[in-house]
Amino acid sequence: MEEILKYLSYGFIVSGGIIALTGGLTFLAEAYKTHMLWLICCVLLPPVIVVFLLTHWKVTKVPFSTMVTGLVILYVGIFLLDAIYK
């Protein structure tokens, strides 16, 4: 049973990471579509991401939701793995 939970948690971690990465790249693509300077600022100055998210909510809500969903799945996998090894 422990072996199955271990592989399940690894699956959550990998799939959550892929989903979060997809959301992040889509977010950066939306920044690029808006203006090249937004992309450069979002990559080099992380607080600008929050400004871009709030000022362009209509185009960033789907990528942001995808990132959050992926991170939740990833954290579930981490907590599950942590619970196995305690």
PDB file of N, CA and C in Angstrom:
ATOM      1  N   MET A   1       0.827  -1.201   0.000  1.00  0.00           N
ATOM      2  CA  MET A   1       0.000   0.000   0.000  1.00  0.00           C
ATOM      3  C   MET A   1       0.873   1.268   0.000  1.00  0.00           C
ATOM      4  N   GLU A   2       1.944   1.215   0.786  1.00  0.00           N
ATOM      5  CA  GLU A   2       2.827   2.377   0.852  1.00  0.00           C
ATOM      6  C   GLU A   2       3.490   2.657  -0.491  1.00  0.00           C
ATOM      7  N   GLU A   3       3.825   1.594  -1.210  1.00  0.00           N
ATOM      8  CA  GLU A   3       4.454   1.738  -2.527  1.00  0.00           C
ATOM      9  C   GLU A   3       3.506   2.421  -3.514  1.00  0.00           C
ATOM     10  N   ILE A   4       2.234   2.054  -3.456  1.00  0.00           N
ATOM     11  CA  ILE A   4       1.235   2.658  -4.351  1.00  0.00           C
ATOM     12  C   ILE A   4       1.067   4.137  -4.047  1.00  0.00           C
ATOM     13  N   LEU A   5       1.000   4.486  -2.754  1.00  0.00           N
ATOM     14  CA  LEU A   5       0.868   5.894  -2.379  1.00  0.00           C
ATOM     15  C   LEU A   5       2.093   6.705  -2.778  1.00  0.00           C
ATOM     16  N   LYS A   6       3.254   6.073  -2.736  1.00  0.00           N
ATOM     17  CA  LYS A   6       4.481   6.768  -3.134  1.00  0.00           C
ATOM     18  C   LYS A   6       4.428   7.121  -4.624  1.00  0.00           C
ATOM     19  N   TYR A   7       4.040   6.154  -5.454  1.00  0.00           N
ATOM     20  CA  TYR A   7       3.952   6.431  -6.890  1.00  0.00           C
ATOM     21  C   TYR A   7       2.823   7.407  -7.210  1.00  0.00           C
ATOM     22  N   LEU A   8       1.734   7.330  -6.441  1.00  0.00           N
ATOM     23  CA  LEU A   8       0.634   8.271  -6.628  1.00  0.00           C
ATOM     24  C   LEU A   8       1.085   9.693  -6.301  1.00  0.00           C
ATOM     25  N   SER A   9       1.846   9.843  -5.228  1.00  0.00           N
ATOM     26  CA  SER A   9       2.321  11.175  -4.864  1.00  0.00           C
ATOM     27  C   SER A   9       3.313  11.697  -5.901  1.00  0.00           C
ATOM     28  N   TYR A  10       4.161  10.821  -6.440  1.00  0.00           N
ATOM     29  CA  TYR A  10       5.063  11.255  -7.511  1.00  0.00           C
ATOM     30  C   TYR A  10       4.275  11.702  -8.742  1.00  0.00           C
ATOM     31  N   GLY A  11       3.204  10.999  -9.032  1.00  0.00           N
ATOM     32  CA  GLY A  11       2.346  11.384 -10.151  1.00  0.00           C
ATOM     33  C   GLY A  11       1.718  12.750  -9.935  1.00  0.00           C
ATOM     34  N   PHE A  12       1.269  13.011  -8.697  1.00  0.00           N
ATOM     35  CA  PHE A  12       0.719  14.330  -8.377  1.00  0.00           C
ATOM     36  C   PHE A  12       1.778  15.411  -8.535  1.00  0.00           C
ATOM     37  N   ILE A  13       2.969  15.133  -8.070  1.00  0.00           N
ATOM     38  CA  ILE A  13       4.035  16.137  -8.142  1.00  0.00           C
ATOM     39  C   ILE A  13       4.392  16.451  -9.593  1.00  0.00           C
ATOM     40  N   VAL A  14       4.558  15.425 -10.405  1.00  0.00           N
ATOM     41  CA  VAL A  14       4.945  15.640 -11.809  1.00  0.00           C
ATOM     42  C   VAL A  14       3.817  16.317 -12.584  1.00  0.00           C
ATOM     43  N   SER A  15       2.594  15.800 -12.449  1.00  0.00           N
ATOM     44  CA  SER A  15       1.490  16.391 -13.209  1.00  0.00           C
ATOM     45  C   SER A  15       1.189  17.808 -12.737  1.00  0.00           C
ATOM     46  N   GLY A  16       1.258  18.049 -11.435  1.00  0.00           N
ATOM     47  CA  GLY A  16       1.053  19.409 -10.932  1.00  0.00           C
ATOM     48  C   GLY A  16       2.111  20.367 -11.429  1.00  0.00           C
ATOM     49  N   GLY A  17       3.358  19.901 -11.486  1.00  0.00           N
ATOM     50  CA  GLY A  17       4.430  20.746 -12.004  1.00  0.00           C
ATOM     51  C   GLY A  17       4.253  21.073 -13.471  1.00  0.00           C
ATOM     52  N   ILE A  18       3.815  20.091 -14.246  1.00  0.00           N
ATOM     53  CA  ILE A  18       3.581  20.327 -15.677  1.00  0.00           C
ATOM     54  C   ILE A  18       2.427  21.300 -15.881  1.00  0.00           C
ATOM     55  N   ILE A  19       1.360  21.140 -15.118  1.00  0.00           N
ATOM     56  CA  ILE A  19       0.202  22.041 -15.237  1.00  0.00           C
ATOM     57  C   ILE A  19       0.592  23.461 -14.824  1.00  0.00           C
ATOM     58  N   ALA A  20       1.334  23.593 -13.717  1.00  0.00           N
ATOM     59  CA  ALA A  20       1.758  24.922 -13.265  1.00  0.00           C
ATOM     60  C   ALA A  20       2.709  25.576 -14.270  1.00  0.00           C
ATOM     61  N   LEU A  21       3.606  24.792 -14.843  1.00  0.00           N
ATOM     62  CA  LEU A  21       4.527  25.316 -15.854  1.00  0.00           C
ATOM     63  C   LEU A  21       3.771  25.776 -17.095  1.00  0.00           C
ATOM     64  N   THR A  22       2.764  25.006 -17.492  1.00  0.00           N
ATOM     65  CA  THR A  22       1.943  25.399 -18.639  1.00  0.00           C
ATOM     66  C   THR A  22       1.230  26.724 -18.372  1.00  0.00           C
ATOM     67  N   GLY A  23       0.675  26.853 -17.174  1.00  0.00           N
ATOM     68  CA  GLY A  23       0.021  28.111 -16.814  1.00  0.00           C
ATOM     69  C   GLY A  23       0.985  29.282 -16.795  1.00  0.00           C
ATOM     70  N   GLY A  24       2.187  29.045 -16.281  1.00  0.00           N
ATOM     71  CA  GLY A  24       3.187  30.108 -16.239  1.00  0.00           C
ATOM     72  C   GLY A  24       3.638  30.549 -17.620  1.00  0.00           C
ATOM     73  N   LEU A  25       3.847  29.582 -18.493  1.00  0.00           N
ATOM     74  CA  LEU A  25       4.253  29.932 -19.860  1.00  0.00           C
ATOM     75  C   LEU A  25       3.132  30.632 -20.619  1.00  0.00           C
ATOM     76  N   THR A  26       1.900  30.206 -20.368  1.00  0.00           N
ATOM     77  CA  THR A  26       0.760  30.884 -20.995  1.00  0.00           C
ATOM     78  C   THR A  26       0.635  32.309 -20.475  1.00  0.00           C
ATOM     79  N   PHE A  27       0.896  32.489 -19.182  1.00  0.00           N
ATOM     80  CA  PHE A  27       0.879  33.827 -18.590  1.00  0.00           C
ATOM     81  C   PHE A  27       1.923  34.716 -19.270  1.00  0.00           C
ATOM     82  N   LEU A  28       3.122  34.191 -19.457  1.00  0.00           N
ATOM     83  CA  LEU A  28       4.166  34.970 -20.125  1.00  0.00           C
ATOM     84  C   LEU A  28       3.825  35.235 -21.587  1.00  0.00           C
ATOM     85  N   ALA A  29       3.130  34.296 -22.233  1.00  0.00           N
ATOM     86  CA  ALA A  29       2.695  34.521 -23.613  1.00  0.00           C
ATOM     87  C   ALA A  29       1.686  35.665 -23.679  1.00  0.00           C
ATOM     88  N   GLU A  30       0.804  35.733 -22.683  1.00  0.00           N
ATOM     89  CA  GLU A  30      -0.156  36.848 -22.640  1.00  0.00           C
ATOM     90  C   GLU A  30       0.563  38.176 -22.406  1.00  0.00           C
ATOM     91  N   ALA A  31       1.606  38.156 -21.591  1.00  0.00           N
ATOM     92  CA  ALA A  31       2.397  39.368 -21.377  1.00  0.00           C
ATOM     93  C   ALA A  31       3.066  39.800 -22.676  1.00  0.00           C
ATOM     94  N   TYR A  32       3.562  38.832 -23.435  1.00  0.00           N
ATOM     95  CA  TYR A  32       4.200  39.144 -24.720  1.00  0.00           C
ATOM     96  C   TYR A  32       3.181  39.688 -25.718  1.00  0.00           C
ATOM     97  N   LYS A  33       1.971  39.111 -25.726  1.00  0.00           N
ATOM     98  CA  LYS A  33       0.934  39.601 -26.645  1.00  0.00           C
ATOM     99  C   LYS A  33       0.554  41.044 -26.339  1.00  0.00           C
ATOM    100  N   THR A  34       0.604  41.403 -25.062  1.00  0.00           N
ATOM    101  CA  THR A  34       0.262  42.774 -24.688  1.00  0.00           C
ATOM    102  C   THR A  34       1.342  43.744 -25.152  1.00  0.00           C
ATOM    103  N   HIS A  35       2.578  43.463 -24.753  1.00  0.00           N
ATOM    104  CA  HIS A  35       3.710  44.284 -25.177  1.00  0.00           C
ATOM    105  C   HIS A  35       4.991  43.574 -24.771  1.00  0.00           C
ATOM    106  N   MET A  36       6.000  43.669 -25.597  1.00  0.00           N
ATOM    107  CA  MET A  36       7.270  43.007 -25.321  1.00  0.00           C
ATOM    108  C   MET A  36       7.882  43.476 -24.005  1.00  0.00           C
ATOM    109  N   LEU A  37       7.671  44.733 -23.661  1.00  0.00           N
ATOM    110  CA  LEU A  37       8.215  45.275 -22.413  1.00  0.00           C
ATOM    111  C   LEU A  37       7.581  44.605 -21.189  1.00  0.00           C
ATOM    112  N   TRP A  38       6.286  44.258 -21.275  1.00  0.00           N
ATOM    113  CA  TRP A  38       5.640  43.537 -20.179  1.00  0.00           C
ATOM    114  C   TRP A  38       6.318  42.186 -19.960  1.00  0.00           C
ATOM    115  N   LEU A  39       6.632  41.500 -21.031  1.00  0.00           N
ATOM    116  CA  LEU A  39       7.305  40.203 -20.913  1.00  0.00           C
ATOM    117  C   LEU A  39       8.666  40.355 -20.248  1.00  0.00           C
ATOM    118  N   ILE A  40       9.439  41.311 -20.696  1.00  0.00           N
ATOM    119  CA  ILE A  40      10.776  41.518 -20.130  1.00  0.00           C
ATOM    120  C   ILE A  40      10.685  41.866 -18.647  1.00  0.00           C
ATOM    121  N   CYS A  41       9.739  42.746 -18.305  1.00  0.00           N
ATOM    122  CA  CYS A  41       9.592  43.133 -16.898  1.00  0.00           C
ATOM    123  C   CYS A  41       9.094  41.970 -16.042  1.00  0.00           C
ATOM    124  N   CYS A  42       8.176  41.169 -16.565  1.00  0.00           N
ATOM    125  CA  CYS A  42       7.671  40.023 -15.802  1.00  0.00           C
ATOM    126  C   CYS A  42       8.765  38.990 -15.558  1.00  0.00           C
ATOM    127  N   VAL A  43       9.667  38.830 -16.507  1.00  0.00           N
ATOM    128  CA  VAL A  43      10.741  37.850 -16.343  1.00  0.00           C
ATOM    129  C   VAL A  43      11.826  38.379 -15.405  1.00  0.00           C
ATOM    130  N   LEU A  44      12.187  39.651 -15.538  1.00  0.00           N
ATOM    131  CA  LEU A  44      13.306  40.197 -14.768  1.00  0.00           C
ATOM    132  C   LEU A  44      12.910  40.779 -13.417  1.00  0.00           C
ATOM    133  N   LEU A  45      11.669  41.243 -13.275  1.00  0.00           N
ATOM    134  CA  LEU A  45      11.205  41.868 -12.036  1.00  0.00           C
ATOM    135  C   LEU A  45       9.930  41.168 -11.559  1.00  0.00           C
ATOM    136  N   PRO A  46      10.051  40.154 -10.724  1.00  0.00           N
ATOM    137  CA  PRO A  46       8.883  39.366 -10.316  1.00  0.00           C
ATOM    138  C   PRO A  46       7.698  40.156  -9.728  1.00  0.00           C
ATOM    139  N   PRO A  47       7.897  41.257  -8.984  1.00  0.00           N
ATOM    140  CA  PRO A  47       6.711  41.993  -8.500  1.00  0.00           C
ATOM    141  C   PRO A  47       5.835  42.565  -9.620  1.00  0.00           C
ATOM    142  N   VAL A  48       6.409  42.737 -10.792  1.00  0.00           N
ATOM    143  CA  VAL A  48       5.651  43.253 -11.929  1.00  0.00           C
ATOM    144  C   VAL A  48       4.578  42.253 -12.354  1.00  0.00           C
ATOM    145  N   ILE A  49       4.788  40.972 -12.051  1.00  0.00           N
ATOM    146  CA  ILE A  49       3.800  39.949 -12.394  1.00  0.00           C
ATOM    147  C   ILE A  49       2.460  40.256 -11.729  1.00  0.00           C
ATOM    148  N   VAL A  50       2.510  40.694 -10.475  1.00  0.00           N
ATOM    149  CA  VAL A  50       1.271  41.024  -9.756  1.00  0.00           C
ATOM    150  C   VAL A  50       0.599  42.232 -10.397  1.00  0.00           C
ATOM    151  N   VAL A  51       1.378  43.214 -10.778  1.00  0.00           N
ATOM    152  CA  VAL A  51       0.826  44.405 -11.435  1.00  0.00           C
ATOM    153  C   VAL A  51       0.176  44.020 -12.759  1.00  0.00           C
ATOM    154  N   PHE A  52       0.874  43.194 -13.536  1.00  0.00           N
ATOM    155  CA  PHE A  52       0.317  42.763 -14.824  1.00  0.00           C
ATOM    156  C   PHE A  52      -0.940  41.927 -14.615  1.00  0.00           C
ATOM    157  N   LEU A  53      -0.921  41.058 -13.613  1.00  0.00           N
ATOM    158  CA  LEU A  53      -2.088  40.225 -13.316  1.00  0.00           C
ATOM    159  C   LEU A  53      -3.299  41.084 -12.990  1.00  0.00           C
ATOM    160  N   LEU A  54      -3.114  42.091 -12.168  1.00  0.00           N
ATOM    161  CA  LEU A  54      -4.245  42.931 -11.754  1.00  0.00           C
ATOM    162  C   LEU A  54      -4.714  43.890 -12.841  1.00  0.00           C
ATOM    163  N   THR A  55      -3.794  44.382 -13.638  1.00  0.00           N
ATOM    164  CA  THR A  55      -4.190  45.339 -14.670  1.00  0.00           C
ATOM    165  C   THR A  55      -4.740  44.671 -15.927  1.00  0.00           C
ATOM    166  N   HIS A  56      -4.427  43.403 -16.137  1.00  0.00           N
ATOM    167  CA  HIS A  56      -4.903  42.680 -17.322  1.00  0.00           C
ATOM    168  C   HIS A  56      -5.639  41.406 -16.913  1.00  0.00           C
ATOM    169  N   TRP A  57      -6.544  41.535 -15.956  1.00  0.00           N
ATOM    170  CA  TRP A  57      -7.212  40.369 -15.375  1.00  0.00           C
ATOM    171  C   TRP A  57      -7.996  39.561 -16.401  1.00  0.00           C
ATOM    172  N   LYS A  58      -8.618  40.218 -17.374  1.00  0.00           N
ATOM    173  CA  LYS A  58      -9.440  39.488 -18.352  1.00  0.00           C
ATOM    174  C   LYS A  58      -8.634  38.466 -19.148  1.00  0.00           C
ATOM    175  N   VAL A  59      -7.394  38.782 -19.474  1.00  0.00           N
ATOM    176  CA  VAL A  59      -6.592  37.856 -20.269  1.00  0.00           C
ATOM    177  C   VAL A  59      -5.709  36.957 -19.411  1.00  0.00           C
ATOM    178  N   THR A  60      -5.523  37.309 -18.133  1.00  0.00           N
ATOM    179  CA  THR A  60      -4.626  36.519 -17.300  1.00  0.00           C
ATOM    180  C   THR A  60      -5.347  35.611 -16.313  1.00  0.00           C
ATOM    181  N   LYS A  61      -6.670  35.671 -16.249  1.00  0.00           N
ATOM    182  CA  LYS A  61      -7.346  34.849 -15.242  1.00  0.00           C
ATOM    183  C   LYS A  61      -7.255  33.357 -15.543  1.00  0.00           C
ATOM    184  N   VAL A  62      -7.285  32.961 -16.810  1.00  0.00           N
ATOM    185  CA  VAL A  62      -7.168  31.528 -17.143  1.00  0.00           C
ATOM    186  C   VAL A  62      -5.744  31.009 -16.887  1.00  0.00           C
ATOM    187  N   PRO A  63      -4.691  31.692 -17.350  1.00  0.00           N
ATOM    188  CA  PRO A  63      -3.349  31.205 -17.022  1.00  0.00           C
ATOM    189  C   PRO A  63      -3.063  31.205 -15.513  1.00  0.00           C
ATOM    190  N   PHE A  64      -3.559  32.225 -14.814  1.00  0.00           N
ATOM    191  CA  PHE A  64      -3.357  32.281 -13.369  1.00  0.00           C
ATOM    192  C   PHE A  64      -4.079  31.133 -12.674  1.00  0.00           C
ATOM    193  N   SER A  65      -5.305  30.858 -13.082  1.00  0.00           N
ATOM    194  CA  SER A  65      -6.063  29.742 -12.504  1.00  0.00           C
ATOM    195  C   SER A  65      -5.373  28.411 -12.801  1.00  0.00           C
ATOM    196  N   THR A  66      -4.815  28.275 -13.990  1.00  0.00           N
ATOM    197  CA  THR A  66      -4.088  27.055 -14.340  1.00  0.00           C
ATOM    198  C   THR A  66      -2.854  26.885 -13.459  1.00  0.00           C
ATOM    199  N   MET A  67      -2.127  27.978 -13.234  1.00  0.00           N
ATOM    200  CA  MET A  67      -0.951  27.915 -12.364  1.00  0.00           C
ATOM    201  C   MET A  67      -1.330  27.516 -10.940  1.00  0.00           C
ATOM    202  N   VAL A  68      -2.377  28.137 -10.419  1.00  0.00           N
ATOM    203  CA  VAL A  68      -2.798  27.840  -9.048  1.00  0.00           C
ATOM    204  C   VAL A  68      -3.260  26.394  -8.933  1.00  0.00           C
ATOM    205  N   THR A  69      -4.026  25.919  -9.910  1.00  0.00           N
ATOM    206  CA  THR A  69      -4.480  24.525  -9.893  1.00  0.00           C
ATOM    207  C   THR A  69      -3.294  23.569  -9.913  1.00  0.00           C
ATOM    208  N   GLY A  70      -2.328  23.842 -10.764  1.00  0.00           N
ATOM    209  CA  GLY A  70      -1.137  23.001 -10.834  1.00  0.00           C
ATOM    210  C   GLY A  70      -0.352  23.008  -9.533  1.00  0.00           C
ATOM    211  N   LEU A  71      -0.237  24.170  -8.905  1.00  0.00           N
ATOM    212  CA  LEU A  71       0.491  24.242  -7.642  1.00  0.00           C
ATOM    213  C   LEU A  71      -0.239  23.510  -6.525  1.00  0.00           C
ATOM    214  N   VAL A  72      -1.572  23.575  -6.520  1.00  0.00           N
ATOM    215  CA  VAL A  72      -2.339  22.829  -5.516  1.00  0.00           C
ATOM    216  C   VAL A  72      -2.121  21.330  -5.690  1.00  0.00           C
ATOM    217  N   ILE A  73      -2.174  20.852  -6.924  1.00  0.00           N
ATOM    218  CA  ILE A  73      -1.938  19.426  -7.189  1.00  0.00           C
ATOM    219  C   ILE A  73      -0.518  19.038  -6.777  1.00  0.00           C
ATOM    220  N   LEU A  74       0.450  19.882  -7.085  1.00  0.00           N
ATOM    221  CA  LEU A  74       1.833  19.615  -6.715  1.00  0.00           C
ATOM    222  C   LEU A  74       1.987  19.540  -5.204  1.00  0.00           C
ATOM    223  N   TYR A  75       1.376  20.481  -4.469  1.00  0.00           N
ATOM    224  CA  TYR A  75       1.490  20.487  -3.011  1.00  0.00           C
ATOM    225  C   TYR A  75       0.775  19.298  -2.379  1.00  0.00           C
ATOM    226  N   VAL A  76      -0.314  18.846  -2.976  1.00  0.00           N
ATOM    227  CA  VAL A  76      -0.974  17.635  -2.481  1.00  0.00           C
ATOM    228  C   VAL A  76      -0.017  16.452  -2.597  1.00  0.00           C
ATOM    229  N   GLY A  77       0.685  16.360  -3.700  1.00  0.00           N
ATOM    230  CA  GLY A  77       1.665  15.295  -3.868  1.00  0.00           C
ATOM    231  C   GLY A  77       2.799  15.385  -2.862  1.00  0.00           C
ATOM    232  N   ILE A  78       3.262  16.595  -2.590  1.00  0.00           N
ATOM    233  CA  ILE A  78       4.337  16.775  -1.613  1.00  0.00           C
ATOM    234  C   ILE A  78       3.872  16.389  -0.213  1.00  0.00           C
ATOM    235  N   PHE A  79       2.671  16.831   0.171  1.00  0.00           N
ATOM    236  CA  PHE A  79       2.169  16.504   1.505  1.00  0.00           C
ATOM    237  C   PHE A  79       1.883  15.013   1.636  1.00  0.00           C
ATOM    238  N   LEU A  80       1.423  14.393   0.572  1.00  0.00           N
ATOM    239  CA  LEU A  80       1.181  12.965   0.590  1.00  0.00           C
ATOM    240  C   LEU A  80       2.494  12.201   0.741  1.00  0.00           C
ATOM    241  N   LEU A  81       3.507  12.645   0.036  1.00  0.00           N
ATOM    242  CA  LEU A  81       4.815  12.011   0.139  1.00  0.00           C
ATOM    243  C   LEU A  81       5.410  12.219   1.532  1.00  0.00           C
ATOM    244  N   ASP A  82       5.194  13.404   2.083  1.00  0.00           N
ATOM    245  CA  ASP A  82       5.681  13.687   3.428  1.00  0.00           C
ATOM    246  C   ASP A  82       4.987  12.812   4.461  1.00  0.00           C
ATOM    247  N   ALA A  83       3.688  12.591   4.278  1.00  0.00           N
ATOM    248  CA  ALA A  83       2.939  11.754   5.211  1.00  0.00           C
ATOM    249  C   ALA A  83       3.389  10.300   5.142  1.00  0.00           C
ATOM    250  N   ILE A  84       3.825   9.841   3.997  1.00  0.00           N
ATOM    251  CA  ILE A  84       4.294   8.467   3.855  1.00  0.00           C
ATOM    252  C   ILE A  84       5.581   8.254   4.636  1.00  0.00           C
ATOM    253  N   TYR A  85       6.487   9.223   4.571  1.00  0.00           N
ATOM    254  CA  TYR A  85       7.800   9.045   5.186  1.00  0.00           C
ATOM    255  C   TYR A  85       7.872   9.475   6.642  1.00  0.00           C
ATOM    256  N   LYS A  86       6.773   9.862   7.249  1.00  0.00           N
ATOM    257  CA  LYS A  86       6.796  10.206   8.681  1.00  0.00           C
ATOM    258  C   LYS A  86       6.565   8.999   9.525  1.00  0.00           C
TER     259      LYS A  86
END
